[in-house]
Amino acid sequence: MSILCRIKIAVTACSVAAGCVSQPIGPAVAVKPGRDKPFTVFLRDDAQCKQYAREQLASGVDTRAASDAHVPRAQLNVQQRYDLAYLECMHAKGNDVSERAEPTTEPE
Protein backbone atom coordinates (compact mmCIF):
# COMPACT_ATOMS: atom_id res chain seq x y z
CA MET A 1 0.00 0.00 0.00
CA SER A 2 1.45 3.36 -1.01
CA ILE A 3 2.11 6.15 1.47
CA LEU A 4 -0.48 8.33 -0.28
CA CYS A 5 -3.13 5.64 0.15
CA ARG A 6 -2.26 5.31 3.86
CA ILE A 7 -2.56 9.07 4.33
CA LYS A 8 -5.97 9.10 2.63
CA ILE A 9 -7.18 6.28 4.88
CA ALA A 10 -5.90 8.07 8.00
CA VAL A 11 -7.54 11.36 7.01
CA THR A 12 -10.83 9.62 6.24
CA ALA A 13 -10.78 7.77 9.57
CA CYS A 14 -10.13 11.01 11.47
CA SER A 15 -12.93 12.78 9.60
CA VAL A 16 -15.39 10.02 10.38
CA ALA A 17 -14.39 9.96 14.06
CA ALA A 18 -14.72 13.74 14.35
CA GLY A 19 -18.23 13.57 12.93
CA CYS A 20 -19.35 11.16 15.64
CA VAL A 21 -19.40 13.68 18.48
CA SER A 22 -22.91 13.62 19.90
CA GLN A 23 -24.88 16.84 19.71
CA PRO A 24 -26.88 18.18 22.65
CA ILE A 25 -30.59 17.46 22.49
CA GLY A 26 -31.37 20.68 24.35
CA PRO A 27 -30.07 23.17 26.88
CA ALA A 28 -28.84 21.99 30.26
CA VAL A 29 -29.59 25.37 31.84
CA ALA A 30 -32.71 26.99 33.26
CA VAL A 31 -34.15 30.19 31.84
CA LYS A 32 -37.29 31.99 33.00
CA PRO A 33 -39.60 34.20 30.95
CA GLY A 34 -38.77 37.89 31.08
CA ARG A 35 -40.88 40.19 33.20
CA ASP A 36 -44.44 40.43 31.86
CA LYS A 37 -43.60 38.15 28.92
CA PRO A 38 -46.45 35.83 27.90
CA PHE A 39 -45.57 32.15 28.14
CA THR A 40 -46.39 31.57 24.46
CA VAL A 41 -43.81 34.21 23.50
CA PHE A 42 -41.29 32.57 25.85
CA LEU A 43 -41.89 29.20 24.14
CA ARG A 44 -41.28 30.80 20.74
CA ASP A 45 -38.06 32.39 22.04
CA ASP A 46 -37.00 28.99 23.41
CA ALA A 47 -37.51 27.26 20.05
CA GLN A 48 -35.68 30.02 18.15
CA CYS A 49 -32.77 30.01 20.60
CA LYS A 50 -32.42 26.22 20.46
CA GLN A 51 -32.16 26.54 16.68
CA TYR A 52 -29.64 29.38 17.04
CA ALA A 53 -27.49 27.27 19.40
CA ARG A 54 -27.54 24.32 16.97
CA GLU A 55 -26.49 26.64 14.14
CA GLN A 56 -23.63 28.04 16.21
CA LEU A 57 -22.29 24.54 16.88
CA ALA A 58 -22.64 23.58 13.22
CA SER A 59 -20.88 26.70 11.96
CA GLY A 60 -18.14 26.65 14.58
CA VAL A 61 -18.74 30.35 15.29
CA ASP A 62 -17.53 31.45 18.71
CA THR A 63 -19.84 33.58 20.78
CA ARG A 64 -18.74 36.34 23.14
CA ALA A 65 -19.76 34.68 26.40
CA ALA A 66 -16.73 32.43 26.67
CA SER A 67 -14.27 35.29 26.30
CA ASP A 68 -16.34 37.46 28.63
CA ALA A 69 -16.11 34.73 31.27
CA HIS A 70 -12.35 34.33 30.65
CA VAL A 71 -12.78 30.72 29.58
CA PRO A 72 -11.11 29.76 26.30
CA ARG A 73 -13.70 28.38 23.89
CA ALA A 74 -11.52 25.35 23.11
CA GLN A 75 -11.81 24.21 26.74
CA LEU A 76 -15.59 24.04 26.63
CA ASN A 77 -17.33 20.83 25.67
CA VAL A 78 -20.12 20.66 23.09
CA GLN A 79 -22.91 20.96 25.69
CA GLN A 80 -21.29 24.01 27.28
CA ARG A 81 -20.89 25.76 23.92
CA TYR A 82 -24.53 24.97 23.09
CA ASP A 83 -25.66 26.31 26.48
CA LEU A 84 -23.68 29.54 26.07
CA ALA A 85 -25.17 30.24 22.64
CA TYR A 86 -28.66 29.40 23.96
CA LEU A 87 -28.25 31.68 27.01
CA GLU A 88 -26.96 34.56 24.91
CA CYS A 89 -29.94 34.27 22.59
CA MET A 90 -32.48 34.02 25.42
CA HIS A 91 -30.90 37.01 27.17
CA ALA A 92 -31.01 39.04 23.94
CA LYS A 93 -34.74 38.28 23.70
CA GLY A 94 -35.30 39.68 27.21
CA ASN A 95 -35.61 36.45 29.19
CA ASP A 96 -34.22 35.93 32.69
CA VAL A 97 -30.92 34.04 32.65
CA SER A 98 -29.69 35.50 35.94
CA GLU A 99 -29.43 32.21 37.82
CA ARG A 100 -26.95 30.60 35.47
CA ALA A 101 -23.57 29.52 36.73
CA GLU A 102 -20.37 30.54 35.01
CA PRO A 103 -19.09 27.93 32.58
CA THR A 104 -16.57 25.49 33.94
CA THR A 105 -13.98 23.38 32.24
CA GLU A 106 -13.76 19.65 32.54
CA PRO A 107 -11.10 18.34 34.93
CA GLU A 108 -7.89 17.22 33.27
PDB file of N, CA and C in Angstrom:
ATOM      1  N   MET A   1       0.861  -1.175   0.000  1.00  0.00           N
ATOM      2  CA  MET A   1       0.000   0.000   0.000  1.00  0.00           C
ATOM      3  C   MET A   1       0.907   1.237   0.000  1.00  0.00           C
ATOM      4  N   SER A   2       0.621   2.164  -0.888  1.00  0.00           N
ATOM      5  CA  SER A   2       1.453   3.355  -1.007  1.00  0.00           C
ATOM      6  C   SER A   2       1.235   4.303   0.171  1.00  0.00           C
ATOM      7  N   ILE A   3       2.194   5.178   0.378  1.00  0.00           N
ATOM      8  CA  ILE A   3       2.111   6.154   1.472  1.00  0.00           C
ATOM      9  C   ILE A   3       0.922   7.089   1.262  1.00  0.00           C
ATOM     10  N   LEU A   4       0.653   7.453   0.014  1.00  0.00           N
ATOM     11  CA  LEU A   4      -0.483   8.329  -0.282  1.00  0.00           C
ATOM     12  C   LEU A   4      -1.800   7.664   0.091  1.00  0.00           C
ATOM     13  N   CYS A   5      -1.917   6.390  -0.196  1.00  0.00           N
ATOM     14  CA  CYS A   5      -3.129   5.643   0.154  1.00  0.00           C
ATOM     15  C   CYS A   5      -3.299   5.578   1.673  1.00  0.00           C
ATOM     16  N   ARG A   6      -2.201   5.361   2.388  1.00  0.00           N
ATOM     17  CA  ARG A   6      -2.258   5.314   3.861  1.00  0.00           C
ATOM     18  C   ARG A   6      -2.697   6.656   4.441  1.00  0.00           C
ATOM     19  N   ILE A   7      -2.181   7.731   3.862  1.00  0.00           N
ATOM     20  CA  ILE A   7      -2.558   9.070   4.333  1.00  0.00           C
ATOM     21  C   ILE A   7      -4.049   9.310   4.099  1.00  0.00           C
ATOM     22  N   LYS A   8      -4.545   8.926   2.927  1.00  0.00           N
ATOM     23  CA  LYS A   8      -5.973   9.099   2.628  1.00  0.00           C
ATOM     24  C   LYS A   8      -6.841   8.319   3.610  1.00  0.00           C
ATOM     25  N   ILE A   9      -6.422   7.100   3.925  1.00  0.00           N
ATOM     26  CA  ILE A   9      -7.175   6.280   4.881  1.00  0.00           C
ATOM     27  C   ILE A   9      -7.162   6.924   6.262  1.00  0.00           C
ATOM     28  N   ALA A  10      -6.008   7.432   6.690  1.00  0.00           N
ATOM     29  CA  ALA A  10      -5.900   8.069   8.005  1.00  0.00           C
ATOM     30  C   ALA A  10      -6.766   9.324   8.081  1.00  0.00           C
ATOM     31  N   VAL A  11      -6.730  10.137   7.031  1.00  0.00           N
ATOM     32  CA  VAL A  11      -7.537  11.364   7.010  1.00  0.00           C
ATOM     33  C   VAL A  11      -9.023  11.023   7.027  1.00  0.00           C
ATOM     34  N   THR A  12      -9.425  10.037   6.262  1.00  0.00           N
ATOM     35  CA  THR A  12     -10.829   9.618   6.238  1.00  0.00           C
ATOM     36  C   THR A  12     -11.273   9.111   7.600  1.00  0.00           C
ATOM     37  N   ALA A  13     -10.436   8.301   8.244  1.00  0.00           N
ATOM     38  CA  ALA A  13     -10.777   7.769   9.568  1.00  0.00           C
ATOM     39  C   ALA A  13     -10.927   8.892  10.586  1.00  0.00           C
ATOM     40  N   CYS A  14     -10.041   9.875  10.539  1.00  0.00           N
ATOM     41  CA  CYS A  14     -10.134  11.009  11.469  1.00  0.00           C
ATOM     42  C   CYS A  14     -11.395  11.827  11.208  1.00  0.00           C
ATOM     43  N   SER A  15     -11.724  12.021   9.946  1.00  0.00           N
ATOM     44  CA  SER A  15     -12.926  12.785   9.601  1.00  0.00           C
ATOM     45  C   SER A  15     -14.181  12.091  10.095  1.00  0.00           C
ATOM     46  N   VAL A  16     -14.230  10.783   9.922  1.00  0.00           N
ATOM     47  CA  VAL A  16     -15.388  10.015  10.382  1.00  0.00           C
ATOM     48  C   VAL A  16     -15.491  10.078  11.897  1.00  0.00           C
ATOM     49  N   ALA A  17     -14.378   9.915  12.593  1.00  0.00           N
ATOM     50  CA  ALA A  17     -14.386   9.955  14.059  1.00  0.00           C
ATOM     51  C   ALA A  17     -14.808  11.330  14.567  1.00  0.00           C
ATOM     52  N   ALA A  18     -14.357  12.384  13.920  1.00  0.00           N
ATOM     53  CA  ALA A  18     -14.719  13.739  14.349  1.00  0.00           C
ATOM     54  C   ALA A  18     -16.204  13.996  14.162  1.00  0.00           C
ATOM     55  N   GLY A  19     -16.811  13.378  13.180  1.00  0.00           N
ATOM     56  CA  GLY A  19     -18.231  13.569  12.926  1.00  0.00           C
ATOM     57  C   GLY A  19     -19.129  12.805  13.874  1.00  0.00           C
ATOM     58  N   CYS A  20     -18.563  11.994  14.741  1.00  0.00           N
ATOM     59  CA  CYS A  20     -19.352  11.156  15.635  1.00  0.00           C
ATOM     60  C   CYS A  20     -19.609  11.785  16.999  1.00  0.00           C
ATOM     61  N   VAL A  21     -19.163  13.014  17.205  1.00  0.00           N
ATOM     62  CA  VAL A  21     -19.404  13.683  18.478  1.00  0.00           C
ATOM     63  C   VAL A  21     -20.903  13.903  18.617  1.00  0.00           C
ATOM     64  N   SER A  22     -21.465  13.488  19.734  1.00  0.00           N
ATOM     65  CA  SER A  22     -22.910  13.623  19.903  1.00  0.00           C
ATOM     66  C   SER A  22     -23.287  15.076  20.155  1.00  0.00           C
ATOM     67  N   GLN A  23     -24.377  15.473  19.567  1.00  0.00           N
ATOM     68  CA  GLN A  23     -24.877  16.835  19.710  1.00  0.00           C
ATOM     69  C   GLN A  23     -25.866  16.901  20.866  1.00  0.00           C
ATOM     70  N   PRO A  24     -25.901  18.025  21.568  1.00  0.00           N
ATOM     71  CA  PRO A  24     -26.878  18.181  22.647  1.00  0.00           C
ATOM     72  C   PRO A  24     -28.304  18.095  22.106  1.00  0.00           C
ATOM     73  N   ILE A  25     -29.187  17.525  22.908  1.00  0.00           N
ATOM     74  CA  ILE A  25     -30.588  17.464  22.493  1.00  0.00           C
ATOM     75  C   ILE A  25     -31.356  18.683  22.982  1.00  0.00           C
ATOM     76  N   GLY A  26     -30.742  19.474  23.828  1.00  0.00           N
ATOM     77  CA  GLY A  26     -31.369  20.676  24.349  1.00  0.00           C
ATOM     78  C   GLY A  26     -30.473  21.323  25.382  1.00  0.00           C
ATOM     79  N   PRO A  27     -30.879  22.478  25.881  1.00  0.00           N
ATOM     80  CA  PRO A  27     -30.069  23.175  26.879  1.00  0.00           C
ATOM     81  C   PRO A  27     -30.076  22.448  28.222  1.00  0.00           C
ATOM     82  N   ALA A  28     -28.959  22.565  28.926  1.00  0.00           N
ATOM     83  CA  ALA A  28     -28.840  21.988  30.263  1.00  0.00           C
ATOM     84  C   ALA A  28     -28.846  23.110  31.299  1.00  0.00           C
ATOM     85  N   VAL A  29     -29.512  24.199  30.966  1.00  0.00           N
ATOM     86  CA  VAL A  29     -29.588  25.372  31.837  1.00  0.00           C
ATOM     87  C   VAL A  29     -31.046  25.809  31.957  1.00  0.00           C
ATOM     88  N   ALA A  30     -31.341  26.508  33.034  1.00  0.00           N
ATOM     89  CA  ALA A  30     -32.709  26.992  33.259  1.00  0.00           C
ATOM     90  C   ALA A  30     -32.806  28.467  32.885  1.00  0.00           C
ATOM     91  N   VAL A  31     -33.865  28.803  32.208  1.00  0.00           N
ATOM     92  CA  VAL A  31     -34.154  30.188  31.838  1.00  0.00           C
ATOM     93  C   VAL A  31     -35.617  30.440  32.158  1.00  0.00           C
ATOM     94  N   LYS A  32     -35.908  31.626  32.680  1.00  0.00           N
ATOM     95  CA  LYS A  32     -37.292  31.991  33.004  1.00  0.00           C
ATOM     96  C   LYS A  32     -37.771  33.072  32.038  1.00  0.00           C
ATOM     97  N   PRO A  33     -39.078  33.132  31.814  1.00  0.00           N
ATOM     98  CA  PRO A  33     -39.600  34.202  30.954  1.00  0.00           C
ATOM     99  C   PRO A  33     -39.240  35.571  31.527  1.00  0.00           C
ATOM    100  N   GLY A  34     -39.019  36.525  30.642  1.00  0.00           N
ATOM    101  CA  GLY A  34     -38.765  37.885  31.078  1.00  0.00           C
ATOM    102  C   GLY A  34     -39.994  38.469  31.757  1.00  0.00           C
ATOM    103  N   ARG A  35     -39.795  39.544  32.467  1.00  0.00           N
ATOM    104  CA  ARG A  35     -40.879  40.193  33.197  1.00  0.00           C
ATOM    105  C   ARG A  35     -42.022  40.550  32.244  1.00  0.00           C
ATOM    106  N   ASP A  36     -43.221  40.158  32.622  1.00  0.00           N
ATOM    107  CA  ASP A  36     -44.443  40.434  31.860  1.00  0.00           C
ATOM    108  C   ASP A  36     -44.455  39.804  30.458  1.00  0.00           C
ATOM    109  N   LYS A  37     -43.622  38.809  30.232  1.00  0.00           N
ATOM    110  CA  LYS A  37     -43.598  38.146  28.922  1.00  0.00           C
ATOM    111  C   LYS A  37     -44.589  36.994  28.932  1.00  0.00           C
ATOM    112  N   PRO A  38     -45.512  36.947  27.975  1.00  0.00           N
ATOM    113  CA  PRO A  38     -46.454  35.825  27.901  1.00  0.00           C
ATOM    114  C   PRO A  38     -45.704  34.504  27.666  1.00  0.00           C
ATOM    115  N   PHE A  39     -46.233  33.441  28.235  1.00  0.00           N
ATOM    116  CA  PHE A  39     -45.572  32.147  28.136  1.00  0.00           C
ATOM    117  C   PHE A  39     -45.460  31.681  26.687  1.00  0.00           C
ATOM    118  N   THR A  40     -46.453  31.983  25.867  1.00  0.00           N
ATOM    119  CA  THR A  40     -46.385  31.567  24.458  1.00  0.00           C
ATOM    120  C   THR A  40     -45.222  32.248  23.734  1.00  0.00           C
ATOM    121  N   VAL A  41     -44.947  33.494  24.087  1.00  0.00           N
ATOM    122  CA  VAL A  41     -43.806  34.206  23.498  1.00  0.00           C
ATOM    123  C   VAL A  41     -42.507  33.582  23.994  1.00  0.00           C
ATOM    124  N   PHE A  42     -42.465  33.236  25.284  1.00  0.00           N
ATOM    125  CA  PHE A  42     -41.289  32.570  25.846  1.00  0.00           C
ATOM    126  C   PHE A  42     -41.018  31.249  25.122  1.00  0.00           C
ATOM    127  N   LEU A  43     -42.059  30.480  24.851  1.00  0.00           N
ATOM    128  CA  LEU A  43     -41.889  29.203  24.144  1.00  0.00           C
ATOM    129  C   LEU A  43     -41.345  29.420  22.731  1.00  0.00           C
ATOM    130  N   ARG A  44     -41.803  30.479  22.071  1.00  0.00           N
ATOM    131  CA  ARG A  44     -41.284  30.801  20.739  1.00  0.00           C
ATOM    132  C   ARG A  44     -39.805  31.188  20.823  1.00  0.00           C
ATOM    133  N   ASP A  45     -39.462  32.023  21.821  1.00  0.00           N
ATOM    134  CA  ASP A  45     -38.060  32.389  22.035  1.00  0.00           C
ATOM    135  C   ASP A  45     -37.213  31.138  22.261  1.00  0.00           C
ATOM    136  N   ASP A  46     -37.719  30.227  23.085  1.00  0.00           N
ATOM    137  CA  ASP A  46     -37.003  28.994  23.405  1.00  0.00           C
ATOM    138  C   ASP A  46     -36.704  28.195  22.135  1.00  0.00           C
ATOM    139  N   ALA A  47     -37.695  28.026  21.293  1.00  0.00           N
ATOM    140  CA  ALA A  47     -37.508  27.264  20.050  1.00  0.00           C
ATOM    141  C   ALA A  47     -36.496  27.957  19.132  1.00  0.00           C
ATOM    142  N   GLN A  48     -36.604  29.275  19.009  1.00  0.00           N
ATOM    143  CA  GLN A  48     -35.681  30.018  18.151  1.00  0.00           C
ATOM    144  C   GLN A  48     -34.252  29.956  18.688  1.00  0.00           C
ATOM    145  N   CYS A  49     -34.102  30.028  20.005  1.00  0.00           N
ATOM    146  CA  CYS A  49     -32.766  30.013  20.595  1.00  0.00           C
ATOM    147  C   CYS A  49     -32.138  28.621  20.559  1.00  0.00           C
ATOM    148  N   LYS A  50     -32.954  27.582  20.637  1.00  0.00           N
ATOM    149  CA  LYS A  50     -32.421  26.224  20.457  1.00  0.00           C
ATOM    150  C   LYS A  50     -31.881  26.072  19.038  1.00  0.00           C
ATOM    151  N   GLN A  51     -32.617  26.589  18.073  1.00  0.00           N
ATOM    152  CA  GLN A  51     -32.164  26.538  16.678  1.00  0.00           C
ATOM    153  C   GLN A  51     -30.882  27.348  16.510  1.00  0.00           C
ATOM    154  N   TYR A  52     -30.836  28.529  17.110  1.00  0.00           N
ATOM    155  CA  TYR A  52     -29.642  29.376  17.043  1.00  0.00           C
ATOM    156  C   TYR A  52     -28.434  28.640  17.618  1.00  0.00           C
ATOM    157  N   ALA A  53     -28.603  27.992  18.766  1.00  0.00           N
ATOM    158  CA  ALA A  53     -27.495  27.271  19.401  1.00  0.00           C
ATOM    159  C   ALA A  53     -27.007  26.130  18.511  1.00  0.00           C
ATOM    160  N   ARG A  54     -27.934  25.401  17.894  1.00  0.00           N
ATOM    161  CA  ARG A  54     -27.540  24.318  16.973  1.00  0.00           C
ATOM    162  C   ARG A  54     -26.749  24.878  15.793  1.00  0.00           C
ATOM    163  N   GLU A  55     -27.186  26.011  15.272  1.00  0.00           N
ATOM    164  CA  GLU A  55     -26.492  26.636  14.144  1.00  0.00           C
ATOM    165  C   GLU A  55     -25.088  27.086  14.540  1.00  0.00           C
ATOM    166  N   GLN A  56     -24.940  27.598  15.754  1.00  0.00           N
ATOM    167  CA  GLN A  56     -23.626  28.037  16.209  1.00  0.00           C
ATOM    168  C   GLN A  56     -22.661  26.865  16.314  1.00  0.00           C
ATOM    169  N   LEU A  57     -23.139  25.729  16.804  1.00  0.00           N
ATOM    170  CA  LEU A  57     -22.290  24.539  16.877  1.00  0.00           C
ATOM    171  C   LEU A  57     -21.916  24.066  15.480  1.00  0.00           C
ATOM    172  N   ALA A  58     -22.880  24.070  14.581  1.00  0.00           N
ATOM    173  CA  ALA A  58     -22.641  23.576  13.222  1.00  0.00           C
ATOM    174  C   ALA A  58     -21.662  24.462  12.464  1.00  0.00           C
ATOM    175  N   SER A  59     -21.744  25.770  12.691  1.00  0.00           N
ATOM    176  CA  SER A  59     -20.881  26.696  11.960  1.00  0.00           C
ATOM    177  C   SER A  59     -19.522  26.866  12.609  1.00  0.00           C
ATOM    178  N   GLY A  60     -19.401  26.474  13.875  1.00  0.00           N
ATOM    179  CA  GLY A  60     -18.139  26.649  14.581  1.00  0.00           C
ATOM    180  C   GLY A  60     -17.888  28.078  15.007  1.00  0.00           C
ATOM    181  N   VAL A  61     -18.891  28.939  14.911  1.00  0.00           N
ATOM    182  CA  VAL A  61     -18.735  30.345  15.291  1.00  0.00           C
ATOM    183  C   VAL A  61     -18.655  30.460  16.804  1.00  0.00           C
ATOM    184  N   ASP A  62     -17.642  31.197  17.273  1.00  0.00           N
ATOM    185  CA  ASP A  62     -17.531  31.451  18.709  1.00  0.00           C
ATOM    186  C   ASP A  62     -18.452  32.591  19.084  1.00  0.00           C
ATOM    187  N   THR A  63     -19.026  32.492  20.274  1.00  0.00           N
ATOM    188  CA  THR A  63     -19.845  33.583  20.781  1.00  0.00           C
ATOM    189  C   THR A  63     -19.056  34.312  21.852  1.00  0.00           C
ATOM    190  N   ARG A  64     -19.489  35.502  22.219  1.00  0.00           N
ATOM    191  CA  ARG A  64     -18.740  36.344  23.140  1.00  0.00           C
ATOM    192  C   ARG A  64     -18.698  35.822  24.561  1.00  0.00           C
ATOM    193  N   ALA A  65     -19.650  35.048  24.991  1.00  0.00           N
ATOM    194  CA  ALA A  65     -19.758  34.684  26.405  1.00  0.00           C
ATOM    195  C   ALA A  65     -18.516  33.997  26.935  1.00  0.00           C
ATOM    196  N   ALA A  66     -17.893  33.151  26.167  1.00  0.00           N
ATOM    197  CA  ALA A  66     -16.726  32.430  26.673  1.00  0.00           C
ATOM    198  C   ALA A  66     -15.586  33.391  26.950  1.00  0.00           C
ATOM    199  N   SER A  67     -15.348  34.355  26.059  1.00  0.00           N
ATOM    200  CA  SER A  67     -14.266  35.292  26.305  1.00  0.00           C
ATOM    201  C   SER A  67     -14.632  36.244  27.434  1.00  0.00           C
ATOM    202  N   ASP A  68     -15.910  36.593  27.538  1.00  0.00           N
ATOM    203  CA  ASP A  68     -16.342  37.456  28.633  1.00  0.00           C
ATOM    204  C   ASP A  68     -16.129  36.781  29.980  1.00  0.00           C
ATOM    205  N   ALA A  69     -16.267  35.474  30.024  1.00  0.00           N
ATOM    206  CA  ALA A  69     -16.108  34.725  31.270  1.00  0.00           C
ATOM    207  C   ALA A  69     -14.664  34.273  31.465  1.00  0.00           C
ATOM    208  N   HIS A  70     -13.767  34.688  30.565  1.00  0.00           N
ATOM    209  CA  HIS A  70     -12.354  34.331  30.645  1.00  0.00           C
ATOM    210  C   HIS A  70     -12.129  32.825  30.568  1.00  0.00           C
ATOM    211  N   VAL A  71     -12.937  32.155  29.795  1.00  0.00           N
ATOM    212  CA  VAL A  71     -12.783  30.719  29.577  1.00  0.00           C
ATOM    213  C   VAL A  71     -12.532  30.512  28.092  1.00  0.00           C
ATOM    214  N   PRO A  72     -11.361  29.990  27.725  1.00  0.00           N
ATOM    215  CA  PRO A  72     -11.108  29.759  26.299  1.00  0.00           C
ATOM    216  C   PRO A  72     -12.144  28.814  25.707  1.00  0.00           C
ATOM    217  N   ARG A  73     -12.650  29.165  24.538  1.00  0.00           N
ATOM    218  CA  ARG A  73     -13.702  28.380  23.887  1.00  0.00           C
ATOM    219  C   ARG A  73     -13.256  26.937  23.675  1.00  0.00           C
ATOM    220  N   ALA A  74     -11.995  26.712  23.380  1.00  0.00           N
ATOM    221  CA  ALA A  74     -11.518  25.352  23.112  1.00  0.00           C
ATOM    222  C   ALA A  74     -11.643  24.446  24.332  1.00  0.00           C
ATOM    223  N   GLN A  75     -11.715  25.017  25.525  1.00  0.00           N
ATOM    224  CA  GLN A  75     -11.809  24.208  26.737  1.00  0.00           C
ATOM    225  C   GLN A  75     -13.247  23.814  27.068  1.00  0.00           C
ATOM    226  N   LEU A  76     -14.193  24.350  26.351  1.00  0.00           N
ATOM    227  CA  LEU A  76     -15.592  24.040  26.634  1.00  0.00           C
ATOM    228  C   LEU A  76     -16.035  22.837  25.811  1.00  0.00           C
ATOM    229  N   ASN A  77     -16.828  21.972  26.422  1.00  0.00           N
ATOM    230  CA  ASN A  77     -17.334  20.830  25.668  1.00  0.00           C
ATOM    231  C   ASN A  77     -18.531  21.257  24.815  1.00  0.00           C
ATOM    232  N   VAL A  78     -19.033  20.349  24.024  1.00  0.00           N
ATOM    233  CA  VAL A  78     -20.118  20.658  23.090  1.00  0.00           C
ATOM    234  C   VAL A  78     -21.356  21.171  23.829  1.00  0.00           C
ATOM    235  N   GLN A  79     -21.732  20.524  24.933  1.00  0.00           N
ATOM    236  CA  GLN A  79     -22.913  20.957  25.685  1.00  0.00           C
ATOM    237  C   GLN A  79     -22.721  22.370  26.226  1.00  0.00           C
ATOM    238  N   GLN A  80     -21.538  22.682  26.730  1.00  0.00           N
ATOM    239  CA  GLN A  80     -21.287  24.012  27.278  1.00  0.00           C
ATOM    240  C   GLN A  80     -21.359  25.082  26.189  1.00  0.00           C
ATOM    241  N   ARG A  81     -20.819  24.793  25.016  1.00  0.00           N
ATOM    242  CA  ARG A  81     -20.893  25.760  23.916  1.00  0.00           C
ATOM    243  C   ARG A  81     -22.341  25.966  23.477  1.00  0.00           C
ATOM    244  N   TYR A  82     -23.107  24.878  23.427  1.00  0.00           N
ATOM    245  CA  TYR A  82     -24.532  24.969  23.087  1.00  0.00           C
ATOM    246  C   TYR A  82     -25.249  25.839  24.120  1.00  0.00           C
ATOM    247  N   ASP A  83     -25.000  25.561  25.412  1.00  0.00           N
ATOM    248  CA  ASP A  83     -25.661  26.311  26.482  1.00  0.00           C
ATOM    249  C   ASP A  83     -25.322  27.797  26.422  1.00  0.00           C
ATOM    250  N   LEU A  84     -24.063  28.131  26.151  1.00  0.00           N
ATOM    251  CA  LEU A  84     -23.680  29.541  26.070  1.00  0.00           C
ATOM    252  C   LEU A  84     -24.410  30.254  24.937  1.00  0.00           C
ATOM    253  N   ALA A  85     -24.464  29.624  23.773  1.00  0.00           N
ATOM    254  CA  ALA A  85     -25.172  30.236  22.642  1.00  0.00           C
ATOM    255  C   ALA A  85     -26.656  30.390  22.969  1.00  0.00           C
ATOM    256  N   TYR A  86     -27.244  29.364  23.583  1.00  0.00           N
ATOM    257  CA  TYR A  86     -28.663  29.403  23.959  1.00  0.00           C
ATOM    258  C   TYR A  86     -28.918  30.532  24.963  1.00  0.00           C
ATOM    259  N   LEU A  87     -28.075  30.634  25.988  1.00  0.00           N
ATOM    260  CA  LEU A  87     -28.251  31.678  27.006  1.00  0.00           C
ATOM    261  C   LEU A  87     -28.099  33.073  26.418  1.00  0.00           C
ATOM    262  N   GLU A  88     -27.132  33.254  25.542  1.00  0.00           N
ATOM    263  CA  GLU A  88     -26.957  34.562  24.908  1.00  0.00           C
ATOM    264  C   GLU A  88     -28.203  34.957  24.125  1.00  0.00           C
ATOM    265  N   CYS A  89     -28.737  34.009  23.388  1.00  0.00           N
ATOM    266  CA  CYS A  89     -29.937  34.273  22.591  1.00  0.00           C
ATOM    267  C   CYS A  89     -31.132  34.599  23.491  1.00  0.00           C
ATOM    268  N   MET A  90     -31.339  33.790  24.516  1.00  0.00           N
ATOM    269  CA  MET A  90     -32.478  34.021  25.416  1.00  0.00           C
ATOM    270  C   MET A  90     -32.339  35.360  26.133  1.00  0.00           C
ATOM    271  N   HIS A  91     -31.130  35.716  26.526  1.00  0.00           N
ATOM    272  CA  HIS A  91     -30.899  37.011  27.170  1.00  0.00           C
ATOM    273  C   HIS A  91     -31.211  38.147  26.190  1.00  0.00           C
ATOM    274  N   ALA A  92     -30.762  38.006  24.953  1.00  0.00           N
ATOM    275  CA  ALA A  92     -31.005  39.037  23.942  1.00  0.00           C
ATOM    276  C   ALA A  92     -32.496  39.229  23.682  1.00  0.00           C
ATOM    277  N   LYS A  93     -33.285  38.198  23.900  1.00  0.00           N
ATOM    278  CA  LYS A  93     -34.738  38.276  23.702  1.00  0.00           C
ATOM    279  C   LYS A  93     -35.462  38.741  24.967  1.00  0.00           C
ATOM    280  N   GLY A  94     -34.698  39.113  26.009  1.00  0.00           N
ATOM    281  CA  GLY A  94     -35.303  39.683  27.206  1.00  0.00           C
ATOM    282  C   GLY A  94     -35.745  38.687  28.256  1.00  0.00           C
ATOM    283  N   ASN A  95     -35.250  37.455  28.188  1.00  0.00           N
ATOM    284  CA  ASN A  95     -35.610  36.452  29.189  1.00  0.00           C
ATOM    285  C   ASN A  95     -34.623  36.478  30.348  1.00  0.00           C
ATOM    286  N   ASP A  96     -35.013  35.898  31.464  1.00  0.00           N
ATOM    287  CA  ASP A  96     -34.220  35.932  32.691  1.00  0.00           C
ATOM    288  C   ASP A  96     -33.250  34.756  32.728  1.00  0.00           C
ATOM    289  N   VAL A  97     -31.964  35.064  32.575  1.00  0.00           N
ATOM    290  CA  VAL A  97     -30.919  34.043  32.647  1.00  0.00           C
ATOM    291  C   VAL A  97     -30.016  34.285  33.856  1.00  0.00           C
ATOM    292  N   SER A  98     -30.516  35.046  34.819  1.00  0.00           N
ATOM    293  CA  SER A  98     -29.687  35.503  35.940  1.00  0.00           C
ATOM    294  C   SER A  98     -29.190  34.404  36.862  1.00  0.00           C
ATOM    295  N   GLU A  99     -29.845  33.252  36.884  1.00  0.00           N
ATOM    296  CA  GLU A  99     -29.432  32.209  37.817  1.00  0.00           C
ATOM    297  C   GLU A  99     -28.436  31.232  37.221  1.00  0.00           C
ATOM    298  N   ARG A 100     -27.893  31.536  36.082  1.00  0.00           N
ATOM    299  CA  ARG A 100     -26.950  30.599  35.468  1.00  0.00           C
ATOM    300  C   ARG A 100     -25.589  30.688  36.147  1.00  0.00           C
ATOM    301  N   ALA A 101     -24.925  29.573  36.178  1.00  0.00           N
ATOM    302  CA  ALA A 101     -23.573  29.517  36.727  1.00  0.00           C
ATOM    303  C   ALA A 101     -22.579  29.822  35.615  1.00  0.00           C
ATOM    304  N   GLU A 102     -21.415  30.307  35.991  1.00  0.00           N
ATOM    305  CA  GLU A 102     -20.373  30.544  35.010  1.00  0.00           C
ATOM    306  C   GLU A 102     -19.922  29.209  34.440  1.00  0.00           C
ATOM    307  N   PRO A 103     -19.526  29.187  33.170  1.00  0.00           N
ATOM    308  CA  PRO A 103     -19.092  27.926  32.579  1.00  0.00           C
ATOM    309  C   PRO A 103     -17.837  27.403  33.258  1.00  0.00           C
ATOM    310  N   THR A 104     -17.748  26.115  33.346  1.00  0.00           N
ATOM    311  CA  THR A 104     -16.568  25.492  33.935  1.00  0.00           C
ATOM    312  C   THR A 104     -15.920  24.596  32.906  1.00  0.00           C
ATOM    313  N   THR A 105     -14.665  24.301  33.130  1.00  0.00           N
ATOM    314  CA  THR A 105     -13.981  23.383  32.235  1.00  0.00           C
ATOM    315  C   THR A 105     -13.976  22.010  32.867  1.00  0.00           C
ATOM    316  N   GLU A 106     -13.814  21.007  32.027  1.00  0.00           N
ATOM    317  CA  GLU A 106     -13.761  19.648  32.540  1.00  0.00           C
ATOM    318  C   GLU A 106     -12.417  19.420  33.215  1.00  0.00           C
ATOM    319  N   PRO A 107     -12.378  18.615  34.285  1.00  0.00           N
ATOM    320  CA  PRO A 107     -11.098  18.340  34.933  1.00  0.00           C
ATOM    321  C   PRO A 107     -10.167  17.596  33.984  1.00  0.00           C
ATOM    322  N   GLU A 108      -8.879  17.867  34.136  1.00  0.00           N
ATOM    323  CA  GLU A 108      -7.891  17.216  33.266  1.00  0.00           C
ATOM    324  C   GLU A 108      -7.523  15.856  33.775  1.00  0.00           C
TER     325      GLU A 108
END
